[in-house]
Amino acid sequence: MPRGRKKQLAGTQRTYQVLARFRPHVKESMELKLELMRIEAGKEEWTMADLVRHAAWEFCKEPGDKREP
C-alpha cells in the first residue's frame, strides 16, 4: 500500500518501511534468537522489530564500519 511522502528539511533522515512475511520455522528461529539477544546487557527490552533492524544493519554495513546501528 503506497504511502505519500511528506516534505522534510534537507539533510534529515528518512524512514524506510518494509513489510515482510516469514515462514513459521523462520519466525520460530527469530524468536529464539530474540530470547538470546535479550540476555545481553542493554538489550533486555528488544522487540522483533529491533532484531530485524539490527540484522539489516549487520547485512548492509560496509566492511570495517565500526558504527553501531
PDB file of N, CA and C in Angstrom:
ATOM      1  N   MET A   1       0.844  -1.157   0.000  1.00  0.00           N
ATOM      2  CA  MET A   1       0.000   0.000   0.000  1.00  0.00           C
ATOM      3  C   MET A   1       0.901   1.235   0.000  1.00  0.00           C
ATOM      4  N   PRO A   2       0.845   2.057  -1.048  1.00  0.00           N
ATOM      5  CA  PRO A   2       1.720   3.226  -1.116  1.00  0.00           C
ATOM      6  C   PRO A   2       1.330   4.283  -0.085  1.00  0.00           C
ATOM      7  N   ARG A   3       2.343   4.898   0.437  1.00  0.00           N
ATOM      8  CA  ARG A   3       2.139   5.978   1.397  1.00  0.00           C
ATOM      9  C   ARG A   3       2.726   7.239   0.800  1.00  0.00           C
ATOM     10  N   GLY A   4       2.058   8.352   1.020  1.00  0.00           N
ATOM     11  CA  GLY A   4       2.562   9.617   0.500  1.00  0.00           C
ATOM     12  C   GLY A   4       3.783  10.084   1.262  1.00  0.00           C
ATOM     13  N   ARG A   5       4.631  10.824   0.602  1.00  0.00           N
ATOM     14  CA  ARG A   5       5.818  11.369   1.250  1.00  0.00           C
ATOM     15  C   ARG A   5       5.534  12.775   1.741  1.00  0.00           C
ATOM     16  N   LYS A   6       6.001  13.047   2.941  1.00  0.00           N
ATOM     17  CA  LYS A   6       5.868  14.382   3.495  1.00  0.00           C
ATOM     18  C   LYS A   6       7.165  15.133   3.233  1.00  0.00           C
ATOM     19  N   LYS A   7       7.064  16.421   2.949  1.00  0.00           N
ATOM     20  CA  LYS A   7       8.263  17.214   2.715  1.00  0.00           C
ATOM     21  C   LYS A   7       9.044  17.324   4.010  1.00  0.00           C
ATOM     22  N   GLN A   8      10.370  17.175   3.904  1.00  0.00           N
ATOM     23  CA  GLN A   8      11.252  17.266   5.052  1.00  0.00           C
ATOM     24  C   GLN A   8      12.361  18.261   4.764  1.00  0.00           C
ATOM     25  N   LEU A   9      12.987  18.713   5.820  1.00  0.00           N
ATOM     26  CA  LEU A   9      14.116  19.609   5.662  1.00  0.00           C
ATOM     27  C   LEU A   9      15.270  18.874   4.991  1.00  0.00           C
ATOM     28  N   ALA A  10      16.053  19.601   4.214  1.00  0.00           N
ATOM     29  CA  ALA A  10      17.196  18.991   3.545  1.00  0.00           C
ATOM     30  C   ALA A  10      18.175  18.456   4.585  1.00  0.00           C
ATOM     31  N   GLY A  11      18.695  17.271   4.351  1.00  0.00           N
ATOM     32  CA  GLY A  11      19.685  16.686   5.244  1.00  0.00           C
ATOM     33  C   GLY A  11      19.102  15.863   6.381  1.00  0.00           C
ATOM     34  N   THR A  12      17.790  15.800   6.505  1.00  0.00           N
ATOM     35  CA  THR A  12      17.206  14.997   7.577  1.00  0.00           C
ATOM     36  C   THR A  12      17.086  13.556   7.107  1.00  0.00           C
ATOM     37  N   GLN A  13      17.035  12.657   8.048  1.00  0.00           N
ATOM     38  CA  GLN A  13      16.931  11.243   7.702  1.00  0.00           C
ATOM     39  C   GLN A  13      15.503  10.898   7.324  1.00  0.00           C
ATOM     40  N   ARG A  14      15.378   9.923   6.464  1.00  0.00           N
ATOM     41  CA  ARG A  14      14.061   9.418   6.096  1.00  0.00           C
ATOM     42  C   ARG A  14      13.937   7.987   6.573  1.00  0.00           C
ATOM     43  N   THR A  15      12.747   7.612   6.906  1.00  0.00           N
ATOM     44  CA  THR A  15      12.492   6.255   7.373  1.00  0.00           C
ATOM     45  C   THR A  15      12.008   5.418   6.196  1.00  0.00           C
ATOM     46  N   TYR A  16      12.567   4.217   6.077  1.00  0.00           N
ATOM     47  CA  TYR A  16      12.183   3.291   5.029  1.00  0.00           C
ATOM     48  C   TYR A  16      11.431   2.150   5.687  1.00  0.00           C
ATOM     49  N   GLN A  17      10.181   1.983   5.315  1.00  0.00           N
ATOM     50  CA  GLN A  17       9.359   0.938   5.928  1.00  0.00           C
ATOM     51  C   GLN A  17       9.313  -0.289   5.027  1.00  0.00           C
ATOM     52  N   VAL A  18       9.435  -1.437   5.655  1.00  0.00           N
ATOM     53  CA  VAL A  18       9.408  -2.700   4.920  1.00  0.00           C
ATOM     54  C   VAL A  18       8.419  -3.629   5.612  1.00  0.00           C
ATOM     55  N   LEU A  19       7.569  -4.256   4.836  1.00  0.00           N
ATOM     56  CA  LEU A  19       6.661  -5.274   5.355  1.00  0.00           C
ATOM     57  C   LEU A  19       7.189  -6.626   4.877  1.00  0.00           C
ATOM     58  N   ALA A  20       7.317  -7.569   5.793  1.00  0.00           N
ATOM     59  CA  ALA A  20       7.876  -8.870   5.425  1.00  0.00           C
ATOM     60  C   ALA A  20       7.052  -9.987   6.050  1.00  0.00           C
ATOM     61  N   ARG A  21       6.951 -11.071   5.343  1.00  0.00           N
ATOM     62  CA  ARG A  21       6.315 -12.281   5.863  1.00  0.00           C
ATOM     63  C   ARG A  21       7.383 -13.354   5.931  1.00  0.00           C
ATOM     64  N   PHE A  22       7.330 -14.152   7.000  1.00  0.00           N
ATOM     65  CA  PHE A  22       8.302 -15.220   7.179  1.00  0.00           C
ATOM     66  C   PHE A  22       7.568 -16.544   7.333  1.00  0.00           C
ATOM     67  N   ARG A  23       8.196 -17.601   6.897  1.00  0.00           N
ATOM     68  CA  ARG A  23       7.648 -18.938   7.108  1.00  0.00           C
ATOM     69  C   ARG A  23       7.692 -19.254   8.601  1.00  0.00           C
ATOM     70  N   PRO A  24       6.834 -20.147   9.059  1.00  0.00           N
ATOM     71  CA  PRO A  24       6.771 -20.434  10.501  1.00  0.00           C
ATOM     72  C   PRO A  24       8.105 -20.847  11.120  1.00  0.00           C
ATOM     73  N   HIS A  25       8.902 -21.667  10.415  1.00  0.00           N
ATOM     74  CA  HIS A  25      10.170 -22.106  11.010  1.00  0.00           C
ATOM     75  C   HIS A  25      11.165 -20.948  11.127  1.00  0.00           C
ATOM     76  N   VAL A  26      11.100 -19.981  10.207  1.00  0.00           N
ATOM     77  CA  VAL A  26      11.980 -18.812  10.292  1.00  0.00           C
ATOM     78  C   VAL A  26      11.554 -17.942  11.467  1.00  0.00           C
ATOM     79  N   LYS A  27      10.256 -17.760  11.614  1.00  0.00           N
ATOM     80  CA  LYS A  27       9.756 -16.956  12.725  1.00  0.00           C
ATOM     81  C   LYS A  27      10.140 -17.582  14.067  1.00  0.00           C
ATOM     82  N   GLU A  28      10.056 -18.891  14.172  1.00  0.00           N
ATOM     83  CA  GLU A  28      10.434 -19.576  15.412  1.00  0.00           C
ATOM     84  C   GLU A  28      11.907 -19.369  15.723  1.00  0.00           C
ATOM     85  N   SER A  29      12.760 -19.468  14.707  1.00  0.00           N
ATOM     86  CA  SER A  29      14.195 -19.273  14.950  1.00  0.00           C
ATOM     87  C   SER A  29      14.490 -17.819  15.299  1.00  0.00           C
ATOM     88  N   MET A  30      13.738 -16.879  14.717  1.00  0.00           N
ATOM     89  CA  MET A  30      13.922 -15.472  15.070  1.00  0.00           C
ATOM     90  C   MET A  30      13.501 -15.219  16.518  1.00  0.00           C
ATOM     91  N   GLU A  31      12.437 -15.873  16.960  1.00  0.00           N
ATOM     92  CA  GLU A  31      12.008 -15.721  18.348  1.00  0.00           C
ATOM     93  C   GLU A  31      13.045 -16.279  19.313  1.00  0.00           C
ATOM     94  N   LEU A  32      13.679 -17.406  18.952  1.00  0.00           N
ATOM     95  CA  LEU A  32      14.745 -17.968  19.777  1.00  0.00           C
ATOM     96  C   LEU A  32      15.945 -17.023  19.831  1.00  0.00           C
ATOM     97  N   LYS A  33      16.300 -16.451  18.677  1.00  0.00           N
ATOM     98  CA  LYS A  33      17.419 -15.503  18.638  1.00  0.00           C
ATOM     99  C   LYS A  33      17.102 -14.268  19.478  1.00  0.00           C
ATOM    100  N   LEU A  34      15.864 -13.816  19.444  1.00  0.00           N
ATOM    101  CA  LEU A  34      15.463 -12.665  20.240  1.00  0.00           C
ATOM    102  C   LEU A  34      15.607 -12.968  21.724  1.00  0.00           C
ATOM    103  N   GLU A  35      15.243 -14.163  22.135  1.00  0.00           N
ATOM    104  CA  GLU A  35      15.420 -14.554  23.539  1.00  0.00           C
ATOM    105  C   GLU A  35      16.895 -14.524  23.930  1.00  0.00           C
ATOM    106  N   LEU A  36      17.773 -15.000  23.033  1.00  0.00           N
ATOM    107  CA  LEU A  36      19.202 -14.970  23.319  1.00  0.00           C
ATOM    108  C   LEU A  36      19.734 -13.540  23.375  1.00  0.00           C
ATOM    109  N   MET A  37      19.256 -12.678  22.498  1.00  0.00           N
ATOM    110  CA  MET A  37      19.712 -11.289  22.485  1.00  0.00           C
ATOM    111  C   MET A  37      19.270 -10.552  23.744  1.00  0.00           C
ATOM    112  N   ARG A  38      18.111 -10.890  24.262  1.00  0.00           N
ATOM    113  CA  ARG A  38      17.599 -10.222  25.465  1.00  0.00           C
ATOM    114  C   ARG A  38      18.433 -10.540  26.701  1.00  0.00           C
ATOM    115  N   ILE A  39      19.241 -11.582  26.651  1.00  0.00           N
ATOM    116  CA  ILE A  39      20.119 -11.924  27.769  1.00  0.00           C
ATOM    117  C   ILE A  39      21.262 -10.912  27.876  1.00  0.00           C
ATOM    118  N   GLU A  40      21.695 -10.354  26.727  1.00  0.00           N
ATOM    119  CA  GLU A  40      22.809  -9.404  26.708  1.00  0.00           C
ATOM    120  C   GLU A  40      22.412  -8.099  27.385  1.00  0.00           C
ATOM    121  N   ALA A  41      23.395  -7.459  28.004  1.00  0.00           N
ATOM    122  CA  ALA A  41      23.160  -6.189  28.690  1.00  0.00           C
ATOM    123  C   ALA A  41      22.747  -5.109  27.685  1.00  0.00           C
ATOM    124  N   GLY A  42      21.736  -4.344  28.033  1.00  0.00           N
ATOM    125  CA  GLY A  42      21.256  -3.258  27.180  1.00  0.00           C
ATOM    126  C   GLY A  42      20.252  -3.692  26.130  1.00  0.00           C
ATOM    127  N   LYS A  43      19.967  -4.967  26.036  1.00  0.00           N
ATOM    128  CA  LYS A  43      19.054  -5.463  25.008  1.00  0.00           C
ATOM    129  C   LYS A  43      17.841  -6.158  25.632  1.00  0.00           C
ATOM    130  N   GLU A  44      17.603  -5.915  26.916  1.00  0.00           N
ATOM    131  CA  GLU A  44      16.514  -6.591  27.624  1.00  0.00           C
ATOM    132  C   GLU A  44      15.139  -6.210  27.076  1.00  0.00           C
ATOM    133  N   GLU A  45      15.004  -5.027  26.537  1.00  0.00           N
ATOM    134  CA  GLU A  45      13.717  -4.518  26.058  1.00  0.00           C
ATOM    135  C   GLU A  45      13.537  -4.662  24.546  1.00  0.00           C
ATOM    136  N   TRP A  46      14.410  -5.411  23.887  1.00  0.00           N
ATOM    137  CA  TRP A  46      14.340  -5.540  22.435  1.00  0.00           C
ATOM    138  C   TRP A  46      13.030  -6.190  21.996  1.00  0.00           C
ATOM    139  N   THR A  47      12.543  -5.746  20.843  1.00  0.00           N
ATOM    140  CA  THR A  47      11.367  -6.333  20.214  1.00  0.00           C
ATOM    141  C   THR A  47      11.816  -7.034  18.927  1.00  0.00           C
ATOM    142  N   MET A  48      10.885  -7.667  18.251  1.00  0.00           N
ATOM    143  CA  MET A  48      11.199  -8.317  16.982  1.00  0.00           C
ATOM    144  C   MET A  48      11.670  -7.276  15.959  1.00  0.00           C
ATOM    145  N   ALA A  49      11.083  -6.083  15.992  1.00  0.00           N
ATOM    146  CA  ALA A  49      11.493  -5.017  15.070  1.00  0.00           C
ATOM    147  C   ALA A  49      12.949  -4.624  15.309  1.00  0.00           C
ATOM    148  N   ASP A  50      13.372  -4.568  16.566  1.00  0.00           N
ATOM    149  CA  ASP A  50      14.769  -4.254  16.879  1.00  0.00           C
ATOM    150  C   ASP A  50      15.702  -5.333  16.336  1.00  0.00           C
ATOM    151  N   LEU A  51      15.298  -6.578  16.460  1.00  0.00           N
ATOM    152  CA  LEU A  51      16.107  -7.689  15.953  1.00  0.00           C
ATOM    153  C   LEU A  51      16.259  -7.596  14.434  1.00  0.00           C
ATOM    154  N   VAL A  52      15.178  -7.335  13.733  1.00  0.00           N
ATOM    155  CA  VAL A  52      15.221  -7.233  12.271  1.00  0.00           C
ATOM    156  C   VAL A  52      16.054  -6.024  11.855  1.00  0.00           C
ATOM    157  N   ARG A  53      15.900  -4.904  12.547  1.00  0.00           N
ATOM    158  CA  ARG A  53      16.671  -3.696  12.248  1.00  0.00           C
ATOM    159  C   ARG A  53      18.162  -3.963  12.422  1.00  0.00           C
ATOM    160  N   HIS A  54      18.524  -4.648  13.501  1.00  0.00           N
ATOM    161  CA  HIS A  54      19.931  -4.973  13.758  1.00  0.00           C
ATOM    162  C   HIS A  54      20.472  -5.918  12.682  1.00  0.00           C
ATOM    163  N   ALA A  55      19.685  -6.921  12.304  1.00  0.00           N
ATOM    164  CA  ALA A  55      20.109  -7.867  11.264  1.00  0.00           C
ATOM    165  C   ALA A  55      20.311  -7.157   9.930  1.00  0.00           C
ATOM    166  N   ALA A  56      19.411  -6.247   9.586  1.00  0.00           N
ATOM    167  CA  ALA A  56      19.555  -5.489   8.335  1.00  0.00           C
ATOM    168  C   ALA A  56      20.808  -4.625   8.378  1.00  0.00           C
ATOM    169  N   TRP A  57      21.080  -4.019   9.526  1.00  0.00           N
ATOM    170  CA  TRP A  57      22.282  -3.192   9.670  1.00  0.00           C
ATOM    171  C   TRP A  57      23.542  -4.047   9.469  1.00  0.00           C
ATOM    172  N   GLU A  58      23.593  -5.201  10.120  1.00  0.00           N
ATOM    173  CA  GLU A  58      24.763  -6.064  10.001  1.00  0.00           C
ATOM    174  C   GLU A  58      24.942  -6.557   8.564  1.00  0.00           C
ATOM    175  N   PHE A  59      23.864  -6.815   7.864  1.00  0.00           N
ATOM    176  CA  PHE A  59      23.933  -7.309   6.497  1.00  0.00           C
ATOM    177  C   PHE A  59      24.393  -6.225   5.529  1.00  0.00           C
ATOM    178  N   CYS A  60      23.952  -4.987   5.742  1.00  0.00           N
ATOM    179  CA  CYS A  60      24.177  -3.916   4.765  1.00  0.00           C
ATOM    180  C   CYS A  60      25.405  -3.047   5.034  1.00  0.00           C
ATOM    181  N   LYS A  61      25.999  -3.115   6.217  1.00  0.00           N
ATOM    182  CA  LYS A  61      27.103  -2.207   6.507  1.00  0.00           C
ATOM    183  C   LYS A  61      28.349  -2.579   5.705  1.00  0.00           C
ATOM    184  N   GLU A  62      29.178  -1.576   5.477  1.00  0.00           N
ATOM    185  CA  GLU A  62      30.413  -1.770   4.736  1.00  0.00           C
ATOM    186  C   GLU A  62      31.451  -2.474   5.614  1.00  0.00           C
ATOM    187  N   PRO A  63      32.355  -3.244   5.020  1.00  0.00           N
ATOM    188  CA  PRO A  63      33.409  -3.884   5.820  1.00  0.00           C
ATOM    189  C   PRO A  63      34.258  -2.834   6.527  1.00  0.00           C
ATOM    190  N   GLY A  64      34.519  -3.058   7.792  1.00  0.00           N
ATOM    191  CA  GLY A  64      35.341  -2.124   8.555  1.00  0.00           C
ATOM    192  C   GLY A  64      34.562  -0.979   9.178  1.00  0.00           C
ATOM    193  N   ASP A  65      33.257  -0.897   8.950  1.00  0.00           N
ATOM    194  CA  ASP A  65      32.427   0.154   9.528  1.00  0.00           C
ATOM    195  C   ASP A  65      32.236  -0.155  11.011  1.00  0.00           C
ATOM    196  N   LYS A  66      32.705   0.740  11.871  1.00  0.00           N
ATOM    197  CA  LYS A  66      32.663   0.481  13.299  1.00  0.00           C
ATOM    198  C   LYS A  66      31.458   1.126  13.989  1.00  0.00           C
ATOM    199  N   ARG A  67      30.583   1.761  13.220  1.00  0.00           N
ATOM    200  CA  ARG A  67      29.423   2.404  13.818  1.00  0.00           C
ATOM    201  C   ARG A  67      28.443   1.362  14.334  1.00  0.00           C
ATOM    202  N   GLU A  68      27.640   1.750  15.297  1.00  0.00           N
ATOM    203  CA  GLU A  68      26.579   0.899  15.840  1.00  0.00           C
ATOM    204  C   GLU A  68      25.243   1.355  15.257  1.00  0.00           C
ATOM    205  N   PRO A  69      24.319   0.442  15.060  1.00  0.00           N
ATOM    206  CA  PRO A  69      23.016   0.844  14.497  1.00  0.00           C
ATOM    207  C   PRO A  69      22.213   1.711  15.449  1.00  0.00           C
TER     208      PRO A  69
END
